[in-house]
Amino acid sequence: MPDRILLIEDDPSILRGLELNLGLEGYEVRAAIDGPSGLRMATEWKPDLVLLDIMLPAMNGYEVCRELRRRGHSVPVIILSAKGTEPDKVMGLDIGADDFVTKPFGLAELLARIKAQLRRGKPAPAPALRFGDVEADFSAGEVRRKGELQEMTARELQLLQYLAKHEGRVVTRQMILDAVWGENYFGTERTVDNFITRLRQKLDDDDPRHFLTVRGMGYRFKGDSR
């Protein structure tokens, strides 16, 4: 079954070009031209990846992404935007996007980023992880704390799985970026700090017991056994 990609884009020329080229690559593609309809299609159709413009009618791309995450959707989201400053990119990543591509973009680069996100969005099955009052089922893409389902993005799940795999070991920010975001990611190490903060807010105490900072080096995950 081909991977399904949802385009949320209101520029007719970009929309037609992406529909054509993604179709030629073998993807199943659907499109929406405004925020509300894109959000509805993402919820009902359940795509494998969303390409999301920022400047949309009725509801902008940031709002769409934020609402997807609020509803618990972990689908990978790549933002497409003519606004490519560092604050724009940081904002997009902070609200739950998995990647940020600035317009105009090269088709080959975009296709490579899509393939990378689709690979990372389908992690190999892993045994359930338990620590503190948290249970994570990576195969199902679900994390519960005290029995309550937590809203987790695909990137947060990948980060949690990476840290758990290296339990007890110090991992640097660059190691995390290379493993979770990929060696071709051009963001800063601040991205890792932001995501660690989000894991702590969702899965740890105010005084962190599991996601520990190792000053001057990076982070260390401490489960119940260490």
N, C-alpha and C. Protein backbone atom coordinates (compact mmCIF):
# COMPACT_ATOMS: atom_id res chain seq x y z
N MET A 1 0.85 -1.19 0.00
CA MET A 1 0.00 0.00 0.00
C MET A 1 0.89 1.24 0.00
N PRO A 2 0.65 2.19 -0.91
CA PRO A 2 1.50 3.38 -0.96
C PRO A 2 1.30 4.28 0.26
N ASP A 3 2.36 5.00 0.63
CA ASP A 3 2.24 5.98 1.70
C ASP A 3 1.31 7.10 1.26
N ARG A 4 0.56 7.62 2.21
CA ARG A 4 -0.42 8.66 1.92
C ARG A 4 0.09 10.02 2.42
N ILE A 5 0.05 10.99 1.53
CA ILE A 5 0.53 12.33 1.86
C ILE A 5 -0.60 13.32 1.68
N LEU A 6 -0.81 14.13 2.71
CA LEU A 6 -1.80 15.19 2.65
C LEU A 6 -1.11 16.52 2.43
N LEU A 7 -1.51 17.23 1.36
CA LEU A 7 -1.00 18.57 1.07
C LEU A 7 -2.01 19.59 1.57
N ILE A 8 -1.56 20.51 2.41
CA ILE A 8 -2.41 21.62 2.83
C ILE A 8 -1.73 22.89 2.34
N GLU A 9 -2.20 23.38 1.20
CA GLU A 9 -1.51 24.45 0.46
C GLU A 9 -2.54 25.20 -0.38
N ASP A 10 -2.48 26.55 -0.34
CA ASP A 10 -3.49 27.32 -1.08
C ASP A 10 -2.95 27.95 -2.36
N ASP A 11 -1.67 27.74 -2.65
CA ASP A 11 -1.11 28.26 -3.90
C ASP A 11 -1.36 27.22 -5.00
N PRO A 12 -2.20 27.54 -6.00
CA PRO A 12 -2.58 26.54 -7.00
C PRO A 12 -1.40 25.95 -7.76
N SER A 13 -0.41 26.77 -8.09
CA SER A 13 0.72 26.26 -8.88
C SER A 13 1.57 25.29 -8.06
N ILE A 14 1.83 25.64 -6.79
CA ILE A 14 2.60 24.73 -5.94
C ILE A 14 1.82 23.45 -5.70
N LEU A 15 0.52 23.59 -5.47
CA LEU A 15 -0.32 22.43 -5.21
C LEU A 15 -0.32 21.46 -6.38
N ARG A 16 -0.53 21.99 -7.59
CA ARG A 16 -0.55 21.12 -8.77
C ARG A 16 0.80 20.45 -8.99
N GLY A 17 1.88 21.22 -8.83
CA GLY A 17 3.21 20.66 -9.03
C GLY A 17 3.52 19.54 -8.04
N LEU A 18 3.16 19.75 -6.78
CA LEU A 18 3.44 18.73 -5.78
C LEU A 18 2.55 17.50 -5.98
N GLU A 19 1.30 17.72 -6.31
CA GLU A 19 0.40 16.58 -6.57
C GLU A 19 0.96 15.72 -7.70
N LEU A 20 1.40 16.36 -8.77
CA LEU A 20 1.93 15.63 -9.91
C LEU A 20 3.19 14.86 -9.55
N ASN A 21 4.14 15.54 -8.94
CA ASN A 21 5.44 14.91 -8.66
C ASN A 21 5.35 13.84 -7.57
N LEU A 22 4.55 14.09 -6.56
CA LEU A 22 4.39 13.07 -5.52
C LEU A 22 3.66 11.86 -6.07
N GLY A 23 2.70 12.09 -6.96
CA GLY A 23 2.02 10.98 -7.61
C GLY A 23 2.98 10.15 -8.44
N LEU A 24 3.88 10.81 -9.15
CA LEU A 24 4.87 10.10 -9.95
C LEU A 24 5.83 9.29 -9.09
N GLU A 25 6.03 9.73 -7.85
CA GLU A 25 6.89 9.00 -6.92
C GLU A 25 6.18 7.80 -6.29
N GLY A 26 4.89 7.66 -6.58
CA GLY A 26 4.16 6.51 -6.09
C GLY A 26 3.34 6.75 -4.83
N TYR A 27 3.27 8.00 -4.37
CA TYR A 27 2.49 8.30 -3.18
C TYR A 27 1.01 8.49 -3.53
N GLU A 28 0.16 8.18 -2.58
CA GLU A 28 -1.26 8.53 -2.69
C GLU A 28 -1.42 9.92 -2.09
N VAL A 29 -1.97 10.85 -2.86
CA VAL A 29 -1.98 12.25 -2.47
C VAL A 29 -3.40 12.80 -2.42
N ARG A 30 -3.68 13.54 -1.36
CA ARG A 30 -4.90 14.33 -1.29
C ARG A 30 -4.52 15.75 -0.89
N ALA A 31 -5.42 16.69 -1.20
CA ALA A 31 -5.08 18.10 -0.99
C ALA A 31 -6.21 18.86 -0.34
N ALA A 32 -5.83 19.87 0.43
CA ALA A 32 -6.77 20.82 1.02
C ALA A 32 -6.19 22.22 0.80
N ILE A 33 -7.07 23.20 0.63
CA ILE A 33 -6.61 24.56 0.31
C ILE A 33 -6.85 25.55 1.44
N ASP A 34 -7.30 25.07 2.60
CA ASP A 34 -7.42 25.96 3.75
C ASP A 34 -7.21 25.16 5.02
N GLY A 35 -7.00 25.87 6.13
CA GLY A 35 -6.69 25.20 7.38
C GLY A 35 -7.76 24.28 7.90
N PRO A 36 -9.02 24.72 8.02
CA PRO A 36 -10.06 23.85 8.59
C PRO A 36 -10.27 22.55 7.81
N SER A 37 -10.31 22.65 6.47
CA SER A 37 -10.50 21.42 5.68
C SER A 37 -9.28 20.51 5.77
N GLY A 38 -8.08 21.11 5.85
CA GLY A 38 -6.88 20.30 6.01
C GLY A 38 -6.87 19.56 7.34
N LEU A 39 -7.27 20.25 8.39
CA LEU A 39 -7.34 19.61 9.71
C LEU A 39 -8.36 18.48 9.70
N ARG A 40 -9.49 18.70 9.07
CA ARG A 40 -10.51 17.66 9.00
C ARG A 40 -10.01 16.45 8.22
N MET A 41 -9.33 16.67 7.09
CA MET A 41 -8.83 15.56 6.29
C MET A 41 -7.73 14.80 7.03
N ALA A 42 -6.89 15.53 7.75
CA ALA A 42 -5.83 14.87 8.52
C ALA A 42 -6.43 13.96 9.58
N THR A 43 -7.54 14.36 10.15
CA THR A 43 -8.19 13.57 11.19
C THR A 43 -8.93 12.37 10.61
N GLU A 44 -9.62 12.58 9.50
CA GLU A 44 -10.47 11.52 8.94
C GLU A 44 -9.70 10.55 8.04
N TRP A 45 -8.79 11.08 7.20
CA TRP A 45 -8.09 10.25 6.22
C TRP A 45 -6.88 9.54 6.85
N LYS A 46 -6.30 10.13 7.88
CA LYS A 46 -5.14 9.59 8.59
C LYS A 46 -3.96 9.35 7.64
N PRO A 47 -3.40 10.44 7.10
CA PRO A 47 -2.25 10.31 6.19
C PRO A 47 -1.00 9.85 6.93
N ASP A 48 -0.01 9.41 6.17
CA ASP A 48 1.28 9.02 6.75
C ASP A 48 2.19 10.22 6.94
N LEU A 49 1.88 11.33 6.24
CA LEU A 49 2.70 12.54 6.35
C LEU A 49 1.87 13.72 5.88
N VAL A 50 2.11 14.89 6.49
CA VAL A 50 1.42 16.12 6.10
C VAL A 50 2.44 17.16 5.64
N LEU A 51 2.22 17.72 4.45
CA LEU A 51 2.97 18.88 3.98
C LEU A 51 2.09 20.10 4.22
N LEU A 52 2.55 21.03 5.03
CA LEU A 52 1.69 22.06 5.57
C LEU A 52 2.24 23.46 5.29
N ASP A 53 1.48 24.24 4.53
CA ASP A 53 1.81 25.64 4.31
C ASP A 53 1.45 26.44 5.56
N ILE A 54 2.11 27.58 5.75
CA ILE A 54 1.82 28.43 6.91
C ILE A 54 0.71 29.43 6.61
N MET A 55 0.82 30.16 5.50
CA MET A 55 -0.14 31.22 5.19
C MET A 55 -1.36 30.62 4.51
N LEU A 56 -2.33 30.20 5.32
CA LEU A 56 -3.55 29.56 4.83
C LEU A 56 -4.78 30.37 5.20
N PRO A 57 -5.83 30.26 4.39
CA PRO A 57 -7.09 30.94 4.74
C PRO A 57 -7.74 30.32 5.97
N ALA A 58 -8.41 31.14 6.74
CA ALA A 58 -9.28 30.74 7.86
C ALA A 58 -8.51 30.25 9.08
N MET A 59 -7.43 29.50 8.87
CA MET A 59 -6.68 28.93 9.98
C MET A 59 -5.26 28.69 9.50
N ASN A 60 -4.28 29.37 10.08
CA ASN A 60 -2.93 29.25 9.53
C ASN A 60 -2.28 27.91 9.90
N GLY A 61 -1.14 27.65 9.25
CA GLY A 61 -0.49 26.37 9.42
C GLY A 61 -0.03 26.09 10.84
N TYR A 62 0.43 27.12 11.54
CA TYR A 62 0.83 26.94 12.94
C TYR A 62 -0.36 26.45 13.76
N GLU A 63 -1.52 27.04 13.54
CA GLU A 63 -2.71 26.64 14.28
C GLU A 63 -3.13 25.22 13.93
N VAL A 64 -3.01 24.85 12.66
CA VAL A 64 -3.34 23.49 12.24
C VAL A 64 -2.43 22.48 12.93
N CYS A 65 -1.13 22.74 12.91
CA CYS A 65 -0.16 21.83 13.53
C CYS A 65 -0.40 21.73 15.04
N ARG A 66 -0.61 22.85 15.67
CA ARG A 66 -0.85 22.86 17.12
C ARG A 66 -2.10 22.05 17.47
N GLU A 67 -3.14 22.19 16.66
CA GLU A 67 -4.38 21.47 16.94
C GLU A 67 -4.22 19.98 16.67
N LEU A 68 -3.47 19.61 15.64
CA LEU A 68 -3.20 18.19 15.39
C LEU A 68 -2.54 17.55 16.61
N ARG A 69 -1.53 18.23 17.15
CA ARG A 69 -0.83 17.68 18.30
C ARG A 69 -1.73 17.66 19.54
N ARG A 70 -2.56 18.68 19.69
CA ARG A 70 -3.46 18.72 20.84
C ARG A 70 -4.41 17.53 20.81
N ARG A 71 -4.80 17.12 19.60
CA ARG A 71 -5.72 15.99 19.45
C ARG A 71 -5.01 14.64 19.52
N GLY A 72 -3.70 14.65 19.68
CA GLY A 72 -2.95 13.41 19.84
C GLY A 72 -2.45 12.77 18.57
N HIS A 73 -2.52 13.49 17.43
CA HIS A 73 -2.03 12.94 16.16
C HIS A 73 -0.50 13.05 16.11
N SER A 74 0.17 11.93 15.87
CA SER A 74 1.63 11.92 15.82
C SER A 74 2.17 11.88 14.39
N VAL A 75 1.29 12.10 13.39
CA VAL A 75 1.72 12.06 11.99
C VAL A 75 2.86 13.05 11.76
N PRO A 76 3.91 12.66 11.03
CA PRO A 76 4.98 13.61 10.72
C PRO A 76 4.45 14.80 9.93
N VAL A 77 4.87 16.00 10.31
CA VAL A 77 4.46 17.23 9.65
C VAL A 77 5.69 17.97 9.15
N ILE A 78 5.71 18.28 7.85
CA ILE A 78 6.76 19.12 7.27
C ILE A 78 6.11 20.45 6.90
N ILE A 79 6.61 21.52 7.49
CA ILE A 79 6.10 22.85 7.18
C ILE A 79 6.79 23.39 5.93
N LEU A 80 5.99 23.95 5.03
CA LEU A 80 6.49 24.64 3.85
C LEU A 80 6.15 26.12 4.01
N SER A 81 7.17 26.99 3.97
CA SER A 81 6.88 28.39 4.23
C SER A 81 7.88 29.31 3.54
N ALA A 82 7.37 30.44 3.06
CA ALA A 82 8.24 31.47 2.52
C ALA A 82 8.91 32.25 3.64
N LYS A 83 8.42 32.09 4.87
CA LYS A 83 9.00 32.74 6.03
C LYS A 83 10.06 31.81 6.61
N GLY A 84 11.33 32.09 6.33
CA GLY A 84 12.37 31.15 6.69
C GLY A 84 13.37 31.66 7.70
N THR A 85 12.98 32.63 8.53
CA THR A 85 13.91 33.11 9.55
C THR A 85 14.04 32.07 10.66
N GLU A 86 15.08 32.20 11.46
CA GLU A 86 15.28 31.26 12.56
C GLU A 86 14.09 31.26 13.53
N PRO A 87 13.54 32.43 13.93
CA PRO A 87 12.37 32.39 14.82
C PRO A 87 11.18 31.65 14.22
N ASP A 88 10.98 31.80 12.89
CA ASP A 88 9.89 31.07 12.24
C ASP A 88 10.10 29.56 12.35
N LYS A 89 11.34 29.13 12.10
CA LYS A 89 11.64 27.70 12.16
C LYS A 89 11.52 27.15 13.58
N VAL A 90 12.04 27.91 14.54
CA VAL A 90 11.96 27.48 15.93
C VAL A 90 10.51 27.37 16.38
N MET A 91 9.69 28.34 15.98
CA MET A 91 8.28 28.30 16.35
C MET A 91 7.60 27.07 15.77
N GLY A 92 7.87 26.78 14.50
CA GLY A 92 7.28 25.61 13.87
C GLY A 92 7.66 24.32 14.57
N LEU A 93 8.94 24.18 14.91
CA LEU A 93 9.39 22.97 15.58
C LEU A 93 8.86 22.89 17.00
N ASP A 94 8.77 24.04 17.66
CA ASP A 94 8.29 24.05 19.04
C ASP A 94 6.83 23.62 19.15
N ILE A 95 6.01 23.91 18.14
CA ILE A 95 4.60 23.54 18.23
C ILE A 95 4.34 22.12 17.74
N GLY A 96 5.40 21.43 17.31
CA GLY A 96 5.22 20.01 16.97
C GLY A 96 5.54 19.59 15.56
N ALA A 97 5.97 20.53 14.70
CA ALA A 97 6.38 20.13 13.34
C ALA A 97 7.66 19.30 13.41
N ASP A 98 7.84 18.43 12.43
CA ASP A 98 9.02 17.57 12.41
C ASP A 98 10.13 18.10 11.50
N ASP A 99 9.78 18.97 10.59
CA ASP A 99 10.78 19.56 9.69
C ASP A 99 10.21 20.85 9.14
N PHE A 100 11.09 21.68 8.60
CA PHE A 100 10.71 23.01 8.10
C PHE A 100 11.48 23.25 6.81
N VAL A 101 10.76 23.44 5.71
CA VAL A 101 11.38 23.66 4.40
C VAL A 101 10.97 25.04 3.90
N THR A 102 11.96 25.83 3.52
CA THR A 102 11.71 27.20 3.09
C THR A 102 11.44 27.26 1.59
N LYS A 103 10.40 28.00 1.21
CA LYS A 103 10.11 28.26 -0.19
C LYS A 103 10.99 29.39 -0.70
N PRO A 104 11.40 29.34 -1.96
CA PRO A 104 11.25 28.22 -2.91
C PRO A 104 12.19 27.07 -2.53
N PHE A 105 11.77 25.86 -2.79
CA PHE A 105 12.55 24.69 -2.41
C PHE A 105 12.84 23.85 -3.63
N GLY A 106 13.89 23.06 -3.54
CA GLY A 106 14.23 22.12 -4.61
C GLY A 106 13.43 20.84 -4.43
N LEU A 107 12.88 20.33 -5.51
CA LEU A 107 12.04 19.13 -5.43
C LEU A 107 12.83 17.94 -4.89
N ALA A 108 14.07 17.77 -5.33
CA ALA A 108 14.86 16.61 -4.89
C ALA A 108 15.08 16.66 -3.38
N GLU A 109 15.36 17.85 -2.85
CA GLU A 109 15.56 17.97 -1.40
C GLU A 109 14.27 17.66 -0.65
N LEU A 110 13.15 18.20 -1.13
CA LEU A 110 11.88 17.94 -0.46
C LEU A 110 11.55 16.46 -0.46
N LEU A 111 11.75 15.79 -1.59
CA LEU A 111 11.48 14.36 -1.66
C LEU A 111 12.35 13.57 -0.69
N ALA A 112 13.61 13.99 -0.57
CA ALA A 112 14.52 13.32 0.37
C ALA A 112 14.05 13.51 1.80
N ARG A 113 13.58 14.71 2.12
CA ARG A 113 13.09 14.97 3.48
C ARG A 113 11.81 14.19 3.77
N ILE A 114 10.95 14.07 2.76
CA ILE A 114 9.74 13.28 2.92
C ILE A 114 10.09 11.82 3.21
N LYS A 115 11.00 11.26 2.43
CA LYS A 115 11.39 9.87 2.63
C LYS A 115 12.00 9.66 4.02
N ALA A 116 12.81 10.62 4.46
CA ALA A 116 13.43 10.51 5.78
C ALA A 116 12.37 10.52 6.88
N GLN A 117 11.38 11.40 6.76
CA GLN A 117 10.33 11.46 7.78
C GLN A 117 9.47 10.20 7.77
N LEU A 118 9.18 9.67 6.59
CA LEU A 118 8.38 8.45 6.52
C LEU A 118 9.13 7.27 7.14
N ARG A 119 10.45 7.22 6.94
CA ARG A 119 11.24 6.16 7.57
C ARG A 119 11.19 6.28 9.08
N ARG A 120 11.39 7.51 9.56
CA ARG A 120 11.43 7.71 11.02
C ARG A 120 10.05 7.58 11.63
N GLY A 121 9.01 7.81 10.83
CA GLY A 121 7.65 7.71 11.35
C GLY A 121 7.19 6.28 11.54
N LYS A 122 8.02 5.32 11.10
CA LYS A 122 7.67 3.91 11.23
C LYS A 122 8.80 3.16 11.92
N PRO A 123 9.00 3.44 13.21
CA PRO A 123 10.08 2.79 13.93
C PRO A 123 9.86 1.29 14.03
N ALA A 124 10.96 0.56 14.09
CA ALA A 124 10.85 -0.89 14.25
C ALA A 124 10.18 -1.20 15.58
N PRO A 125 9.39 -2.26 15.61
CA PRO A 125 8.73 -2.61 16.86
C PRO A 125 9.73 -2.74 18.00
N ALA A 126 9.34 -2.26 19.16
CA ALA A 126 10.22 -2.31 20.32
C ALA A 126 9.39 -2.72 21.53
N PRO A 127 10.03 -3.36 22.51
CA PRO A 127 9.28 -3.75 23.70
C PRO A 127 8.78 -2.53 24.44
N ALA A 128 7.73 -2.73 25.21
CA ALA A 128 7.17 -1.62 25.97
C ALA A 128 8.19 -1.11 26.97
N LEU A 129 8.17 0.18 27.19
CA LEU A 129 9.07 0.83 28.14
C LEU A 129 8.25 1.27 29.35
N ARG A 130 8.77 0.97 30.53
CA ARG A 130 8.10 1.39 31.76
C ARG A 130 9.10 2.06 32.68
N PHE A 131 8.74 3.22 33.17
CA PHE A 131 9.55 3.90 34.18
C PHE A 131 8.64 4.84 34.96
N GLY A 132 8.87 4.90 36.27
CA GLY A 132 8.01 5.73 37.10
C GLY A 132 6.55 5.34 36.91
N ASP A 133 5.72 6.34 36.59
CA ASP A 133 4.30 6.08 36.33
C ASP A 133 3.98 6.13 34.84
N VAL A 134 5.01 5.88 34.01
CA VAL A 134 4.88 5.97 32.56
C VAL A 134 4.97 4.59 31.91
N GLU A 135 4.11 4.36 30.91
CA GLU A 135 4.18 3.16 30.07
C GLU A 135 4.17 3.62 28.62
N ALA A 136 5.18 3.19 27.86
CA ALA A 136 5.29 3.57 26.44
C ALA A 136 5.23 2.32 25.58
N ASP A 137 4.32 2.31 24.63
CA ASP A 137 4.20 1.23 23.65
C ASP A 137 4.60 1.82 22.30
N PHE A 138 5.84 1.62 21.91
CA PHE A 138 6.34 2.23 20.68
C PHE A 138 5.70 1.62 19.44
N SER A 139 5.32 0.34 19.51
CA SER A 139 4.69 -0.29 18.36
C SER A 139 3.35 0.37 18.05
N ALA A 140 2.62 0.75 19.10
CA ALA A 140 1.32 1.39 18.92
C ALA A 140 1.44 2.91 18.85
N GLY A 141 2.63 3.43 19.16
CA GLY A 141 2.81 4.88 19.16
C GLY A 141 2.05 5.56 20.29
N GLU A 142 1.94 4.88 21.44
CA GLU A 142 1.18 5.42 22.56
C GLU A 142 2.03 5.50 23.82
N VAL A 143 1.84 6.57 24.56
CA VAL A 143 2.51 6.74 25.85
C VAL A 143 1.44 7.16 26.86
N ARG A 144 1.43 6.46 27.98
CA ARG A 144 0.48 6.78 29.04
C ARG A 144 1.21 7.11 30.34
N ARG A 145 0.66 8.07 31.06
CA ARG A 145 1.18 8.40 32.38
C ARG A 145 0.03 8.33 33.37
N LYS A 146 0.20 7.51 34.39
CA LYS A 146 -0.87 7.25 35.34
C LYS A 146 -2.13 6.78 34.61
N GLY A 147 -1.92 6.05 33.53
CA GLY A 147 -3.03 5.51 32.77
C GLY A 147 -3.65 6.44 31.76
N GLU A 148 -3.23 7.71 31.77
CA GLU A 148 -3.80 8.69 30.86
C GLU A 148 -2.93 8.83 29.61
N LEU A 149 -3.57 8.76 28.43
CA LEU A 149 -2.86 8.88 27.17
C LEU A 149 -2.28 10.28 27.03
N GLN A 150 -1.00 10.35 26.69
CA GLN A 150 -0.31 11.62 26.51
C GLN A 150 -0.26 11.99 25.02
N GLU A 151 -0.34 13.28 24.73
CA GLU A 151 -0.22 13.75 23.35
C GLU A 151 1.25 13.79 22.98
N MET A 152 1.66 12.90 22.07
CA MET A 152 3.06 12.79 21.69
C MET A 152 3.21 12.93 20.19
N THR A 153 4.18 13.73 19.76
CA THR A 153 4.48 13.83 18.34
C THR A 153 5.39 12.67 17.95
N ALA A 154 5.50 12.44 16.64
CA ALA A 154 6.38 11.37 16.16
C ALA A 154 7.82 11.61 16.62
N ARG A 155 8.25 12.87 16.59
CA ARG A 155 9.62 13.20 16.99
C ARG A 155 9.83 12.95 18.48
N GLU A 156 8.85 13.27 19.30
CA GLU A 156 8.98 13.02 20.72
C GLU A 156 9.09 11.53 21.01
N LEU A 157 8.31 10.72 20.29
CA LEU A 157 8.39 9.28 20.45
C LEU A 157 9.77 8.75 20.05
N GLN A 158 10.29 9.27 18.95
CA GLN A 158 11.61 8.85 18.48
C GLN A 158 12.69 9.23 19.48
N LEU A 159 12.58 10.43 20.05
CA LEU A 159 13.56 10.87 21.05
C LEU A 159 13.48 10.01 22.30
N LEU A 160 12.27 9.74 22.77
CA LEU A 160 12.11 8.89 23.94
C LEU A 160 12.69 7.50 23.70
N GLN A 161 12.43 6.94 22.53
CA GLN A 161 12.95 5.62 22.22
C GLN A 161 14.47 5.62 22.16
N TYR A 162 15.05 6.68 21.60
CA TYR A 162 16.51 6.77 21.51
C TYR A 162 17.13 6.86 22.91
N LEU A 163 16.56 7.71 23.76
CA LEU A 163 17.09 7.86 25.11
C LEU A 163 16.98 6.56 25.90
N ALA A 164 15.84 5.88 25.75
CA ALA A 164 15.64 4.63 26.47
C ALA A 164 16.63 3.56 26.00
N LYS A 165 16.91 3.56 24.71
CA LYS A 165 17.86 2.60 24.15
C LYS A 165 19.25 2.79 24.75
N HIS A 166 19.55 4.03 25.11
CA HIS A 166 20.86 4.35 25.68
C HIS A 166 20.77 4.63 27.17
N GLU A 167 19.85 3.95 27.83
CA GLU A 167 19.63 4.19 29.26
C GLU A 167 20.93 4.10 30.06
N GLY A 168 21.13 5.09 30.92
CA GLY A 168 22.31 5.10 31.77
C GLY A 168 23.54 5.72 31.15
N ARG A 169 23.49 5.99 29.84
CA ARG A 169 24.65 6.56 29.13
C ARG A 169 24.40 8.03 28.84
N VAL A 170 25.47 8.81 28.85
CA VAL A 170 25.37 10.21 28.47
C VAL A 170 25.38 10.30 26.95
N VAL A 171 24.41 11.01 26.39
CA VAL A 171 24.37 11.25 24.95
C VAL A 171 24.42 12.76 24.72
N THR A 172 25.24 13.17 23.80
CA THR A 172 25.37 14.60 23.52
C THR A 172 24.20 15.09 22.68
N ARG A 173 24.04 16.41 22.62
CA ARG A 173 22.99 16.98 21.79
C ARG A 173 23.22 16.63 20.32
N GLN A 174 24.49 16.65 19.88
CA GLN A 174 24.77 16.34 18.49
C GLN A 174 24.46 14.88 18.18
N MET A 175 24.74 13.98 19.12
CA MET A 175 24.40 12.57 18.92
C MET A 175 22.90 12.41 18.75
N ILE A 176 22.13 13.14 19.56
CA ILE A 176 20.68 13.07 19.47
C ILE A 176 20.19 13.62 18.14
N LEU A 177 20.74 14.77 17.73
CA LEU A 177 20.35 15.36 16.45
C LEU A 177 20.62 14.39 15.31
N ASP A 178 21.80 13.79 15.29
CA ASP A 178 22.16 12.88 14.20
C ASP A 178 21.25 11.65 14.16
N ALA A 179 20.92 11.13 15.34
CA ALA A 179 20.13 9.89 15.39
C ALA A 179 18.64 10.12 15.18
N VAL A 180 18.10 11.20 15.72
CA VAL A 180 16.66 11.41 15.70
C VAL A 180 16.24 12.33 14.55
N TRP A 181 17.01 13.37 14.30
CA TRP A 181 16.67 14.31 13.22
C TRP A 181 17.38 13.98 11.91
N GLY A 182 18.50 13.25 11.98
CA GLY A 182 19.24 12.90 10.78
C GLY A 182 20.44 13.82 10.58
N GLU A 183 21.47 13.28 9.95
CA GLU A 183 22.71 14.02 9.79
C GLU A 183 22.58 15.23 8.89
N ASN A 184 21.53 15.27 8.07
CA ASN A 184 21.34 16.40 7.16
C ASN A 184 20.47 17.50 7.76
N TYR A 185 20.10 17.36 9.02
CA TYR A 185 19.29 18.40 9.67
C TYR A 185 20.17 19.61 9.97
N PHE A 186 19.66 20.78 9.65
CA PHE A 186 20.47 22.00 9.78
C PHE A 186 20.04 22.88 10.94
N GLY A 187 19.26 22.35 11.86
CA GLY A 187 18.85 23.13 13.02
C GLY A 187 19.97 23.23 14.04
N THR A 188 19.63 23.81 15.18
CA THR A 188 20.62 24.02 16.24
C THR A 188 20.38 23.04 17.39
N GLU A 189 21.37 22.96 18.29
CA GLU A 189 21.25 22.08 19.44
C GLU A 189 20.14 22.54 20.40
N ARG A 190 19.73 23.78 20.27
CA ARG A 190 18.61 24.27 21.08
C ARG A 190 17.35 23.45 20.84
N THR A 191 17.21 22.92 19.63
CA THR A 191 16.05 22.07 19.32
C THR A 191 15.97 20.90 20.29
N VAL A 192 17.11 20.26 20.57
CA VAL A 192 17.14 19.13 21.50
C VAL A 192 16.67 19.57 22.88
N ASP A 193 17.18 20.71 23.34
CA ASP A 193 16.79 21.21 24.66
C ASP A 193 15.28 21.42 24.74
N ASN A 194 14.70 21.98 23.68
CA ASN A 194 13.25 22.22 23.66
C ASN A 194 12.48 20.90 23.75
N PHE A 195 12.94 19.89 23.05
CA PHE A 195 12.23 18.62 23.06
C PHE A 195 12.41 17.88 24.38
N ILE A 196 13.58 17.99 24.99
CA ILE A 196 13.78 17.40 26.31
C ILE A 196 12.84 18.06 27.32
N THR A 197 12.70 19.37 27.22
CA THR A 197 11.78 20.09 28.10
C THR A 197 10.37 19.56 27.95
N ARG A 198 9.96 19.30 26.70
CA ARG A 198 8.61 18.79 26.46
C ARG A 198 8.43 17.39 27.04
N LEU A 199 9.46 16.54 26.93
CA LEU A 199 9.36 15.20 27.53
C LEU A 199 9.25 15.31 29.05
N ARG A 200 10.01 16.22 29.64
CA ARG A 200 9.93 16.40 31.08
C ARG A 200 8.54 16.87 31.51
N GLN A 201 7.98 17.80 30.77
CA GLN A 201 6.66 18.33 31.11
C GLN A 201 5.60 17.24 31.06
N LYS A 202 5.75 16.32 30.11
CA LYS A 202 4.73 15.29 29.92
C LYS A 202 4.96 14.05 30.76
N LEU A 203 6.25 13.71 31.00
CA LEU A 203 6.55 12.38 31.53
C LEU A 203 7.41 12.37 32.79
N ASP A 204 7.79 13.52 33.32
CA ASP A 204 8.69 13.55 34.46
C ASP A 204 8.14 14.47 35.53
N ASP A 205 8.86 14.60 36.63
CA ASP A 205 8.46 15.48 37.72
C ASP A 205 9.05 16.87 37.53
N ASP A 206 8.59 17.80 38.36
CA ASP A 206 9.14 19.16 38.31
C ASP A 206 10.65 19.14 38.57
N ASP A 207 11.07 18.25 39.46
CA ASP A 207 12.49 18.01 39.69
C ASP A 207 12.82 16.71 38.95
N PRO A 208 13.36 16.81 37.73
CA PRO A 208 13.46 15.63 36.85
C PRO A 208 14.19 14.46 37.50
N ARG A 209 13.59 13.27 37.38
CA ARG A 209 14.22 12.05 37.88
C ARG A 209 14.67 11.13 36.76
N HIS A 210 14.11 11.33 35.56
CA HIS A 210 14.38 10.39 34.47
C HIS A 210 15.15 11.02 33.31
N PHE A 211 14.87 12.28 33.00
CA PHE A 211 15.56 12.95 31.89
C PHE A 211 16.53 13.95 32.49
N LEU A 212 17.76 13.49 32.67
CA LEU A 212 18.74 14.24 33.45
C LEU A 212 19.71 15.00 32.56
N THR A 213 20.01 16.22 32.97
CA THR A 213 21.01 17.04 32.29
C THR A 213 22.39 16.73 32.86
N VAL A 214 23.34 16.46 32.00
CA VAL A 214 24.73 16.29 32.41
C VAL A 214 25.47 17.53 31.94
N ARG A 215 25.75 18.42 32.85
CA ARG A 215 26.26 19.74 32.51
C ARG A 215 27.53 19.66 31.66
N GLY A 216 27.51 20.41 30.57
CA GLY A 216 28.66 20.48 29.68
C GLY A 216 28.79 19.29 28.74
N MET A 217 27.85 18.33 28.83
CA MET A 217 27.95 17.13 27.99
C MET A 217 26.66 16.87 27.21
N GLY A 218 25.55 16.71 27.91
CA GLY A 218 24.30 16.40 27.20
C GLY A 218 23.25 15.91 28.16
N TYR A 219 22.66 14.74 27.86
CA TYR A 219 21.57 14.22 28.67
C TYR A 219 21.77 12.74 28.95
N ARG A 220 21.11 12.29 30.03
CA ARG A 220 21.15 10.87 30.37
C ARG A 220 19.74 10.46 30.83
N PHE A 221 19.25 9.35 30.26
CA PHE A 221 17.96 8.81 30.68
C PHE A 221 18.17 7.82 31.81
N LYS A 222 17.42 7.99 32.89
CA LYS A 222 17.53 7.11 34.04
C LYS A 222 16.19 6.44 34.26
N GLY A 223 16.14 5.15 33.98
CA GLY A 223 14.94 4.38 34.25
C GLY A 223 14.90 3.97 35.71
N ASP A 224 14.00 3.07 36.05
CA ASP A 224 13.86 2.66 37.44
C ASP A 224 14.96 1.71 37.88
N SER A 225 15.67 1.12 36.88
CA SER A 225 16.69 0.13 37.23
C SER A 225 18.06 0.74 37.45
N ARG A 226 18.23 2.07 37.18
CA ARG A 226 19.55 2.67 37.27
C ARG A 226 19.50 3.94 38.12
